[in-house]
Amino acid sequence: MASIQKAHWLFKERYNKTNSNHYRDFSPIQIDQFLTDATHQFIEEFAFPECINKDLT
């Protein structure tokens, strides 16, 4: 698994691909929250797909 510093760097690189500084900078706390939320969503969707299908029916 990537280190926290690498995850932050990748987030910033991918969020502002053109390096135009069009988007505001996120604080480290905000980046941590985005990464945590995305991780939880990923785990819920791929580890427990049957739970998602029950919600749709």
N, C-alpha and C. Protein backbone atom coordinates (compact mmCIF):
# COMPACT_ATOMS: atom_id res chain seq x y z
N MET A 1 0.85 -1.18 0.00
CA MET A 1 0.00 0.00 0.00
C MET A 1 0.89 1.23 0.00
N ALA A 2 0.40 2.27 -0.64
CA ALA A 2 1.15 3.51 -0.76
C ALA A 2 1.25 4.22 0.58
N SER A 3 2.32 4.96 0.74
CA SER A 3 2.46 5.75 1.95
C SER A 3 1.50 6.93 1.90
N ILE A 4 1.27 7.52 3.04
CA ILE A 4 0.36 8.67 3.11
C ILE A 4 0.89 9.82 2.25
N GLN A 5 2.20 10.06 2.31
CA GLN A 5 2.79 11.13 1.52
C GLN A 5 2.60 10.88 0.03
N LYS A 6 2.79 9.63 -0.39
CA LYS A 6 2.62 9.30 -1.81
C LYS A 6 1.15 9.43 -2.22
N ALA A 7 0.25 9.01 -1.36
CA ALA A 7 -1.18 9.13 -1.66
C ALA A 7 -1.57 10.60 -1.81
N HIS A 8 -1.04 11.46 -0.96
CA HIS A 8 -1.32 12.89 -1.06
C HIS A 8 -0.76 13.45 -2.38
N TRP A 9 0.46 13.05 -2.71
CA TRP A 9 1.09 13.52 -3.93
C TRP A 9 0.29 13.08 -5.15
N LEU A 10 -0.12 11.81 -5.18
CA LEU A 10 -0.90 11.30 -6.30
C LEU A 10 -2.24 12.01 -6.41
N PHE A 11 -2.87 12.28 -5.28
CA PHE A 11 -4.13 13.00 -5.29
C PHE A 11 -3.96 14.37 -5.94
N LYS A 12 -2.93 15.10 -5.52
CA LYS A 12 -2.69 16.43 -6.06
C LYS A 12 -2.33 16.38 -7.54
N GLU A 13 -1.53 15.39 -7.95
CA GLU A 13 -1.14 15.25 -9.35
C GLU A 13 -2.35 14.94 -10.23
N ARG A 14 -3.21 14.06 -9.77
CA ARG A 14 -4.35 13.65 -10.59
C ARG A 14 -5.48 14.66 -10.55
N TYR A 15 -5.60 15.39 -9.46
CA TYR A 15 -6.68 16.37 -9.35
C TYR A 15 -6.42 17.56 -10.25
N ASN A 16 -5.20 18.01 -10.33
CA ASN A 16 -4.85 19.17 -11.13
C ASN A 16 -3.90 18.73 -12.24
N LYS A 17 -4.43 17.97 -13.21
CA LYS A 17 -3.61 17.36 -14.25
C LYS A 17 -2.88 18.38 -15.11
N THR A 18 -3.52 19.48 -15.39
CA THR A 18 -2.89 20.46 -16.28
C THR A 18 -1.94 21.38 -15.53
N ASN A 19 -1.89 21.26 -14.23
CA ASN A 19 -1.02 22.09 -13.39
C ASN A 19 -1.31 23.58 -13.61
N SER A 20 -2.58 23.89 -13.86
CA SER A 20 -2.96 25.27 -14.11
C SER A 20 -3.32 26.01 -12.84
N ASN A 21 -3.35 25.29 -11.73
CA ASN A 21 -3.75 25.87 -10.45
C ASN A 21 -5.16 26.46 -10.52
N HIS A 22 -5.97 25.89 -11.39
CA HIS A 22 -7.36 26.33 -11.51
C HIS A 22 -8.16 25.97 -10.26
N TYR A 23 -7.83 24.85 -9.67
CA TYR A 23 -8.53 24.40 -8.47
C TYR A 23 -7.78 24.85 -7.23
N ARG A 24 -8.53 25.07 -6.18
CA ARG A 24 -7.90 25.50 -4.93
C ARG A 24 -7.15 24.33 -4.31
N ASP A 25 -6.18 24.65 -3.50
CA ASP A 25 -5.44 23.61 -2.80
C ASP A 25 -6.27 23.07 -1.65
N PHE A 26 -6.24 21.78 -1.49
CA PHE A 26 -6.91 21.16 -0.36
C PHE A 26 -5.91 21.01 0.77
N SER A 27 -6.40 21.14 1.99
CA SER A 27 -5.54 20.94 3.15
C SER A 27 -5.26 19.44 3.29
N PRO A 28 -4.19 19.09 4.00
CA PRO A 28 -3.91 17.67 4.22
C PRO A 28 -5.07 16.93 4.89
N ILE A 29 -5.78 17.60 5.76
CA ILE A 29 -6.93 16.98 6.43
C ILE A 29 -8.03 16.68 5.42
N GLN A 30 -8.28 17.62 4.50
CA GLN A 30 -9.30 17.40 3.49
C GLN A 30 -8.91 16.25 2.56
N ILE A 31 -7.64 16.18 2.17
CA ILE A 31 -7.18 15.09 1.32
C ILE A 31 -7.33 13.76 2.04
N ASP A 32 -6.96 13.73 3.32
CA ASP A 32 -7.14 12.50 4.11
C ASP A 32 -8.59 12.06 4.12
N GLN A 33 -9.50 13.00 4.27
CA GLN A 33 -10.93 12.66 4.30
C GLN A 33 -11.41 12.13 2.96
N PHE A 34 -10.98 12.76 1.85
CA PHE A 34 -11.33 12.27 0.52
C PHE A 34 -10.83 10.84 0.32
N LEU A 35 -9.57 10.60 0.69
CA LEU A 35 -8.98 9.28 0.51
C LEU A 35 -9.68 8.23 1.38
N THR A 36 -10.01 8.60 2.60
CA THR A 36 -10.72 7.68 3.50
C THR A 36 -12.10 7.35 2.96
N ASP A 37 -12.83 8.37 2.53
CA ASP A 37 -14.17 8.14 1.97
C ASP A 37 -14.11 7.26 0.73
N ALA A 38 -13.14 7.53 -0.15
CA ALA A 38 -13.01 6.73 -1.37
C ALA A 38 -12.65 5.28 -1.05
N THR A 39 -11.80 5.09 -0.06
CA THR A 39 -11.43 3.73 0.35
C THR A 39 -12.64 2.98 0.89
N HIS A 40 -13.41 3.62 1.74
CA HIS A 40 -14.61 2.97 2.28
C HIS A 40 -15.61 2.63 1.19
N GLN A 41 -15.81 3.55 0.24
CA GLN A 41 -16.74 3.29 -0.84
C GLN A 41 -16.25 2.13 -1.71
N PHE A 42 -14.96 2.10 -2.00
CA PHE A 42 -14.37 1.01 -2.79
C PHE A 42 -14.59 -0.33 -2.11
N ILE A 43 -14.32 -0.39 -0.81
CA ILE A 43 -14.48 -1.64 -0.06
C ILE A 43 -15.93 -2.08 -0.06
N GLU A 44 -16.84 -1.15 0.17
CA GLU A 44 -18.27 -1.52 0.18
C GLU A 44 -18.72 -2.04 -1.17
N GLU A 45 -18.26 -1.44 -2.26
CA GLU A 45 -18.72 -1.85 -3.58
C GLU A 45 -18.12 -3.17 -4.03
N PHE A 46 -16.87 -3.44 -3.68
CA PHE A 46 -16.22 -4.64 -4.19
C PHE A 46 -16.13 -5.78 -3.20
N ALA A 47 -16.18 -5.48 -1.92
CA ALA A 47 -16.12 -6.55 -0.93
C ALA A 47 -17.51 -7.08 -0.59
N PHE A 48 -18.51 -6.22 -0.72
CA PHE A 48 -19.88 -6.61 -0.38
C PHE A 48 -20.84 -6.26 -1.51
N PRO A 49 -20.64 -6.79 -2.73
CA PRO A 49 -21.51 -6.41 -3.84
C PRO A 49 -22.96 -6.85 -3.65
N GLU A 50 -23.18 -7.91 -2.87
CA GLU A 50 -24.55 -8.37 -2.65
C GLU A 50 -25.37 -7.34 -1.87
N CYS A 51 -24.75 -6.56 -1.05
CA CYS A 51 -25.46 -5.51 -0.30
C CYS A 51 -25.94 -4.41 -1.22
N ILE A 52 -25.15 -4.10 -2.23
CA ILE A 52 -25.53 -3.05 -3.17
C ILE A 52 -26.71 -3.52 -4.01
N ASN A 53 -26.67 -4.79 -4.47
CA ASN A 53 -27.74 -5.31 -5.31
C ASN A 53 -29.06 -5.36 -4.54
N LYS A 54 -29.05 -5.62 -3.26
CA LYS A 54 -30.28 -5.65 -2.47
C LYS A 54 -30.89 -4.26 -2.38
N ASP A 55 -30.06 -3.23 -2.34
CA ASP A 55 -30.58 -1.87 -2.26
C ASP A 55 -31.26 -1.45 -3.55
N LEU A 56 -30.84 -2.02 -4.68
CA LEU A 56 -31.39 -1.63 -5.97
C LEU A 56 -32.72 -2.31 -6.26
N THR A 57 -33.02 -3.41 -5.61
CA THR A 57 -34.27 -4.13 -5.91
C THR A 57 -35.35 -3.78 -4.95
